[in-house]
C-alpha atoms as a PDB file:
ATOM      1  CA  MET A   1     -18.044 -11.047  -5.372  1.00  0.00           C
ATOM      2  CA  GLU A   2     -15.565 -13.592  -4.140  1.00  0.00           C
ATOM      3  CA  SER A   3     -12.200 -12.192  -5.122  1.00  0.00           C
ATOM      4  CA  SER A   4      -8.637 -12.170  -3.869  1.00  0.00           C
ATOM      5  CA  GLY A   5      -5.927  -9.779  -5.142  1.00  0.00           C
ATOM      6  CA  LYS A   6      -3.185  -7.409  -4.810  1.00  0.00           C
ATOM      7  CA  ILE A   7      -3.144  -3.682  -5.510  1.00  0.00           C
ATOM      8  CA  SER A   8      -0.329  -1.996  -7.340  1.00  0.00           C
ATOM      9  CA  PHE A   9       0.315   1.482  -8.558  1.00  0.00           C
ATOM     10  CA  GLN A  10       2.936   2.828 -10.871  1.00  0.00           C
ATOM     11  CA  ASN A  11       5.361   5.407  -9.515  1.00  0.00           C
ATOM     12  CA  SER A  12       6.325   8.376 -11.504  1.00  0.00           C
ATOM     13  CA  SER A  13       8.841  11.095 -10.718  1.00  0.00           C
ATOM     14  CA  PRO A  14       7.402  13.826  -8.442  1.00  0.00           C
ATOM     15  CA  GLN A  15      10.008  16.280  -9.988  1.00  0.00           C
ATOM     16  CA  LYS A  16       8.661  15.681 -13.495  1.00  0.00           C
ATOM     17  CA  LYS A  17       5.043  16.503 -12.148  1.00  0.00           C
ATOM     18  CA  ALA A  18       6.369  19.575 -10.410  1.00  0.00           C
ATOM     19  CA  ASP A  19       8.204  20.674 -13.640  1.00  0.00           C
ATOM     20  CA  ILE A  20       4.931  20.151 -15.737  1.00  0.00           C
ATOM     21  CA  LEU A  21       2.711  21.952 -13.304  1.00  0.00           C
ATOM     22  CA  SER A  22       5.036  24.940 -12.954  1.00  0.00           C
ATOM     23  CA  LYS A  23       5.090  25.809 -16.575  1.00  0.00           C
ATOM     24  CA  LYS A  24       2.798  28.732 -17.220  1.00  0.00           C
ATOM     25  CA  PRO A  25       0.184  28.543 -19.966  1.00  0.00           C
ATOM     26  CA  LYS A  26       0.537  30.898 -23.010  1.00  0.00           C
ATOM     27  CA  HIS A  27      -2.703  32.472 -22.207  1.00  0.00           C
ATOM     28  CA  THR A  28      -3.087  33.650 -18.607  1.00  0.00           C
ATOM     29  CA  SER A  29      -6.270  34.671 -16.896  1.00  0.00           C
ATOM     30  CA  THR A  30      -6.875  38.337 -16.266  1.00  0.00           C
ATOM     31  CA  THR A  31      -8.166  37.901 -12.867  1.00  0.00           C
ATOM     32  CA  GLN A  32      -6.087  37.092  -9.859  1.00  0.00           C
ATOM     33  CA  PRO A  33      -8.576  34.862  -8.045  1.00  0.00           C
ATOM     34  CA  ASN A  34      -8.850  32.441 -10.943  1.00  0.00           C
ATOM     35  CA  ASN A  35      -5.093  32.080 -11.023  1.00  0.00           C
ATOM     36  CA  GLN A  36      -5.047  31.431  -7.284  1.00  0.00           C
ATOM     37  CA  LYS A  37      -7.832  28.776  -7.618  1.00  0.00           C
ATOM     38  CA  GLN A  38      -6.029  27.175 -10.508  1.00  0.00           C
ATOM     39  CA  ASN A  39      -2.884  26.995  -8.498  1.00  0.00           C
ATOM     40  CA  SER A  40      -4.757  25.553  -5.501  1.00  0.00           C
ATOM     41  CA  ASP A  41      -6.371  22.895  -7.829  1.00  0.00           C
ATOM     42  CA  GLU A  42      -3.030  22.002  -9.283  1.00  0.00           C
ATOM     43  CA  GLN A  43      -1.434  21.698  -5.861  1.00  0.00           C
ATOM     44  CA  ARG A  44      -4.431  19.455  -4.669  1.00  0.00           C
ATOM     45  CA  LEU A  45      -3.992  17.189  -7.810  1.00  0.00           C
ATOM     46  CA  THR A  46      -0.243  17.055  -7.145  1.00  0.00           C
ATOM     47  CA  ASP A  47      -0.784  16.155  -3.573  1.00  0.00           C
ATOM     48  CA  LEU A  48      -3.341  13.535  -4.422  1.00  0.00           C
ATOM     49  CA  THR A  49      -1.222  11.917  -7.004  1.00  0.00           C
ATOM     50  CA  ASP A  50       1.805  11.869  -4.743  1.00  0.00           C
ATOM     51  CA  ILE A  51      -0.131  10.333  -1.920  1.00  0.00           C
ATOM     52  CA  SER A  52      -1.573   7.665  -4.209  1.00  0.00           C
ATOM     53  CA  GLU A  53       1.876   6.584  -5.213  1.00  0.00           C
ATOM     54  CA  LYS A  54       2.751   5.718  -1.653  1.00  0.00           C
ATOM     55  CA  ILE A  55       2.269   1.986  -1.428  1.00  0.00           C
ATOM     56  CA  LEU A  56       1.635   0.973   2.209  1.00  0.00           C
ATOM     57  CA  PHE A  57       1.325  -2.782   1.677  1.00  0.00           C
ATOM     58  CA  LYS A  58       1.231  -5.307  -1.179  1.00  0.00           C
ATOM     59  CA  PHE A  59       0.282  -9.001  -0.792  1.00  0.00           C
ATOM     60  CA  LYS A  60      -0.942 -11.871  -2.857  1.00  0.00           C
ATOM     61  CA  SER A  61      -3.931 -14.109  -2.115  1.00  0.00           C
ATOM     62  CA  GLY A  62      -5.443 -17.144  -3.697  1.00  0.00           C
ATOM     63  CA  HIS A  63      -5.909 -20.847  -3.179  1.00  0.00           C
ATOM     64  CA  PRO A  64      -2.638 -22.683  -2.519  1.00  0.00           C
ATOM     65  CA  LEU A  65      -3.078 -24.532  -5.867  1.00  0.00           C
ATOM     66  CA  ASP A  66      -3.714 -21.320  -7.952  1.00  0.00           C
ATOM     67  CA  LEU A  67      -1.011 -20.946 -10.541  1.00  0.00           C
ATOM     68  CA  ILE A  68      -1.757 -17.053 -10.775  1.00  0.00           C
ATOM     69  CA  PRO A  69      -2.615 -15.640  -7.289  1.00  0.00           C
ATOM     70  CA  ASP A  70      -4.570 -12.570  -6.984  1.00  0.00           C
ATOM     71  CA  GLN A  71      -2.809  -9.334  -5.976  1.00  0.00           C
ATOM     72  CA  VAL A  72      -3.851  -6.627  -3.529  1.00  0.00           C
ATOM     73  CA  THR A  73      -2.175  -3.263  -2.945  1.00  0.00           C
ATOM     74  CA  ILE A  74      -3.085  -0.677  -0.209  1.00  0.00           C
ATOM     75  CA  ASP A  75      -2.204   3.034  -0.468  1.00  0.00           C
ATOM     76  CA  PRO A  76      -3.595   6.015   1.547  1.00  0.00           C
ATOM     77  CA  THR A  77      -6.438   6.646  -0.819  1.00  0.00           C
ATOM     78  CA  LYS A  78      -7.513   3.261  -2.193  1.00  0.00           C
ATOM     79  CA  ILE A  79      -7.246  -0.503  -2.098  1.00  0.00           C
ATOM     80  CA  GLY A  80      -6.652  -2.173  -5.530  1.00  0.00           C
ATOM     81  CA  ILE A  81      -7.468  -5.628  -6.327  1.00  0.00           C
ATOM     82  CA  ILE A  82      -6.245  -7.527  -9.384  1.00  0.00           C
ATOM     83  CA  SER A  83      -8.067 -10.866  -9.768  1.00  0.00           C
ATOM     84  CA  ASN A  84      -6.345 -13.313 -12.276  1.00  0.00           C
ATOM     85  CA  THR A  85      -7.575 -16.342 -14.061  1.00  0.00           C
ATOM     86  CA  ILE A  86      -5.626 -18.710 -16.306  1.00  0.00           C
ATOM     87  CA  PHE A  87      -7.993 -18.569 -19.300  1.00  0.00           C
ATOM     88  CA  GLY A  88     -10.339 -15.726 -18.346  1.00  0.00           C
ATOM     89  CA  PRO A  89      -9.811 -12.020 -18.248  1.00  0.00           C
ATOM     90  CA  THR A  90      -8.005 -10.228 -15.473  1.00  0.00           C
ATOM     91  CA  GLU A  91     -10.242  -8.098 -13.371  1.00  0.00           C
ATOM     92  CA  TYR A  92      -9.077  -4.738 -11.885  1.00  0.00           C
ATOM     93  CA  HIS A  93     -10.947  -3.316  -9.009  1.00  0.00           C
ATOM     94  CA  SER A  94     -10.232  -0.099  -7.035  1.00  0.00           C
ATOM     95  CA  ILE A  95     -11.936   0.737  -3.859  1.00  0.00           C
ATOM     96  CA  PRO A  96     -11.559   4.299  -2.428  1.00  0.00           C
ATOM     97  CA  ILE A  97     -10.928   4.326   1.235  1.00  0.00           C
ATOM     98  CA  SER A  98     -13.525   7.101   1.558  1.00  0.00           C
ATOM     99  CA  ILE A  99     -16.339   4.652   0.723  1.00  0.00           C
ATOM    100  CA  ILE A 100     -15.379   1.786   2.846  1.00  0.00           C
ATOM    101  CA  THR A 101     -17.711   1.486   5.816  1.00  0.00           C
ATOM    102  CA  ASP A 102     -16.506  -1.682   7.558  1.00  0.00           C
ATOM    103  CA  ILE A 103     -13.809  -4.362   7.379  1.00  0.00           C
ATOM    104  CA  THR A 104     -14.103  -7.875   8.750  1.00  0.00           C
ATOM    105  CA  LEU A 105     -11.585 -10.517   9.099  1.00  0.00           C
ATOM    106  CA  ASP A 106     -12.126 -14.227   9.298  1.00  0.00           C
ATOM    107  CA  THR A 107      -9.179 -16.150  10.409  1.00  0.00           C
ATOM    108  CA  GLY A 108      -8.369 -19.879  10.115  1.00  0.00           C
ATOM    109  CA  ALA A 109      -5.267 -21.883  11.025  1.00  0.00           C
ATOM    110  CA  LEU A 110      -3.344 -20.900   7.885  1.00  0.00           C
ATOM    111  CA  PHE A 111      -5.386 -18.553   5.775  1.00  0.00           C
ATOM    112  CA  SER A 112      -7.779 -15.668   6.416  1.00  0.00           C
ATOM    113  CA  THR A 113     -10.601 -13.879   4.551  1.00  0.00           C
ATOM    114  CA  LEU A 114     -10.926 -10.162   4.434  1.00  0.00           C
ATOM    115  CA  LYS A 115     -14.324  -8.676   3.714  1.00  0.00           C
ATOM    116  CA  ILE A 116     -14.658  -4.979   2.695  1.00  0.00           C
ATOM    117  CA  TYR A 117     -18.040  -3.291   2.886  1.00  0.00           C
ATOM    118  CA  GLN A 118     -18.722  -0.223   0.904  1.00  0.00           C
ATOM    119  CA  ARG A 119     -21.357   2.505   1.383  1.00  0.00           C
ATOM    120  CA  GLU A 120     -23.212   1.629  -1.807  1.00  0.00           C
ATOM    121  CA  PHE A 121     -22.995  -2.124  -1.523  1.00  0.00           C
ATOM    122  CA  LYS A 122     -23.719  -2.789   2.220  1.00  0.00           C
ATOM    123  CA  ASP A 123     -25.118  -6.317   1.579  1.00  0.00           C
ATOM    124  CA  SER A 124     -22.424  -7.376  -0.895  1.00  0.00           C
ATOM    125  CA  PRO A 125     -18.839  -6.939   0.440  1.00  0.00           C
ATOM    126  CA  ASN A 126     -15.727  -7.473  -1.531  1.00  0.00           C
ATOM    127  CA  ILE A 127     -14.112 -10.674  -0.452  1.00  0.00           C
ATOM    128  CA  ILE A 128     -10.496 -11.524  -0.564  1.00  0.00           C
ATOM    129  CA  SER A 129      -9.877 -15.143   0.324  1.00  0.00           C
ATOM    130  CA  TYR A 130      -6.933 -17.331   1.041  1.00  0.00           C
ATOM    131  CA  ILE A 131      -4.666 -14.545   2.475  1.00  0.00           C
ATOM    132  CA  GLU A 132      -1.702 -15.626   4.637  1.00  0.00           C
ATOM    133  CA  LYS A 133      -2.771 -15.020   8.173  1.00  0.00           C
ATOM    134  CA  LYS A 134       0.022 -12.505   8.901  1.00  0.00           C
ATOM    135  CA  ASP A 135      -0.709 -10.539   5.829  1.00  0.00           C
ATOM    136  CA  ALA A 136      -4.499 -10.408   6.562  1.00  0.00           C
ATOM    137  CA  LEU A 137      -3.974  -9.115  10.110  1.00  0.00           C
ATOM    138  CA  TYR A 138      -1.653  -6.421   8.917  1.00  0.00           C
ATOM    139  CA  ALA A 139      -3.818  -5.380   6.036  1.00  0.00           C
ATOM    140  CA  SER A 140      -6.831  -5.310   8.339  1.00  0.00           C
ATOM    141  CA  ARG A 141      -5.076  -2.953  10.753  1.00  0.00           C
ATOM    142  CA  LEU A 142      -3.953  -0.685   7.850  1.00  0.00           C
ATOM    143  CA  LEU A 143      -7.411  -0.496   6.381  1.00  0.00           C
ATOM    144  CA  GLU A 144      -9.067   0.231   9.662  1.00  0.00           C
ATOM    145  CA  GLY A 145      -6.527   2.956  10.327  1.00  0.00           C
ATOM    146  CA  LEU A 146      -7.059   4.495   6.950  1.00  0.00           C
ATOM    147  CA  VAL A 147     -10.787   4.442   7.253  1.00  0.00           C
ATOM    148  CA  LEU A 148     -10.527   6.246  10.603  1.00  0.00           C
ATOM    149  CA  ALA A 149      -8.044   8.751   9.248  1.00  0.00           C
ATOM    150  CA  GLN A 150     -10.368   9.482   6.310  1.00  0.00           C
ATOM    151  CA  THR A 151     -13.266  10.160   8.746  1.00  0.00           C
ATOM    152  CA  LYS A 152     -11.038  12.597  10.654  1.00  0.00           C
ATOM    153  CA  ASN A 153      -9.932  14.291   7.411  1.00  0.00           C
ATOM    154  CA  ILE A 154      -6.187  13.491   8.119  1.00  0.00           C
ATOM    155  CA  ASP A 155      -3.809  14.644   5.336  1.00  0.00           C
ATOM    156  CA  PHE A 156      -0.909  12.411   4.738  1.00  0.00           C
ATOM    157  CA  SER A 157       0.484  14.385   1.682  1.00  0.00           C
ATOM    158  CA  GLY A 158       3.522  15.716   3.476  1.00  0.00           C
ATOM    159  CA  LEU A 159       4.582  12.451   5.158  1.00  0.00           C
ATOM    160  CA  PRO A 160       6.947   9.833   4.035  1.00  0.00           C
ATOM    161  CA  THR A 161       5.490   6.436   3.360  1.00  0.00           C
ATOM    162  CA  GLU A 162       7.139   4.665   6.266  1.00  0.00           C
ATOM    163  CA  GLU A 163       5.698   7.332   8.621  1.00  0.00           C
ATOM    164  CA  ILE A 164       2.235   7.018   7.182  1.00  0.00           C
ATOM    165  CA  ARG A 165       2.419   3.152   7.439  1.00  0.00           C
ATOM    166  CA  LYS A 166       3.537   3.405  11.116  1.00  0.00           C
ATOM    167  CA  GLU A 167       0.806   5.865  12.155  1.00  0.00           C
ATOM    168  CA  VAL A 168      -1.970   4.231  10.180  1.00  0.00           C
ATOM    169  CA  GLU A 169      -1.159   0.879  11.767  1.00  0.00           C
ATOM    170  CA  LYS A 170      -1.299   2.422  15.197  1.00  0.00           C
ATOM    171  CA  LEU A 171      -4.752   3.867  14.354  1.00  0.00           C
ATOM    172  CA  GLY A 172      -5.925   0.489  13.251  1.00  0.00           C
ATOM    173  CA  GLU A 173      -4.819  -1.284  16.303  1.00  0.00           C
ATOM    174  CA  ILE A 174      -6.656   1.220  18.444  1.00  0.00           C
ATOM    175  CA  HIS A 175      -9.829   1.113  16.381  1.00  0.00           C
END
């Protein structure tokens, strides 16, 4: 599928999430292990939500004459693509970092094309075309770093966004 786009995620207050999750239910379990498992699951869910809200990079892509460019957003857990058309429907596509197997970058004088290969669709990559060259190079480094971090089970949940961005980019340059 030839597509270009930008990923974006809505931010919500981490304090509100913490307040909601800290409220005790009216009916409590009688066994201690179930409460510990529930707290562990709630913490994992909170961590995942918090990490997904950390936008590492946003960019637009599309033919220079496109009135509505596609949008792409990269966060530590996924890449999101919003493909726009003037008269057709808007297509939203999310690719978890955990299923990305390869990223290739074709560069030209002004624009680049990013191809994202997924485990389930090895012969049919997601293609994001007409990306400004500097944005494509940076996105490629971030994605390579995130894929490598995912394979090594690196947890970003306690790090600030800028620190994640810096470390992932370093990983992507090495890889």
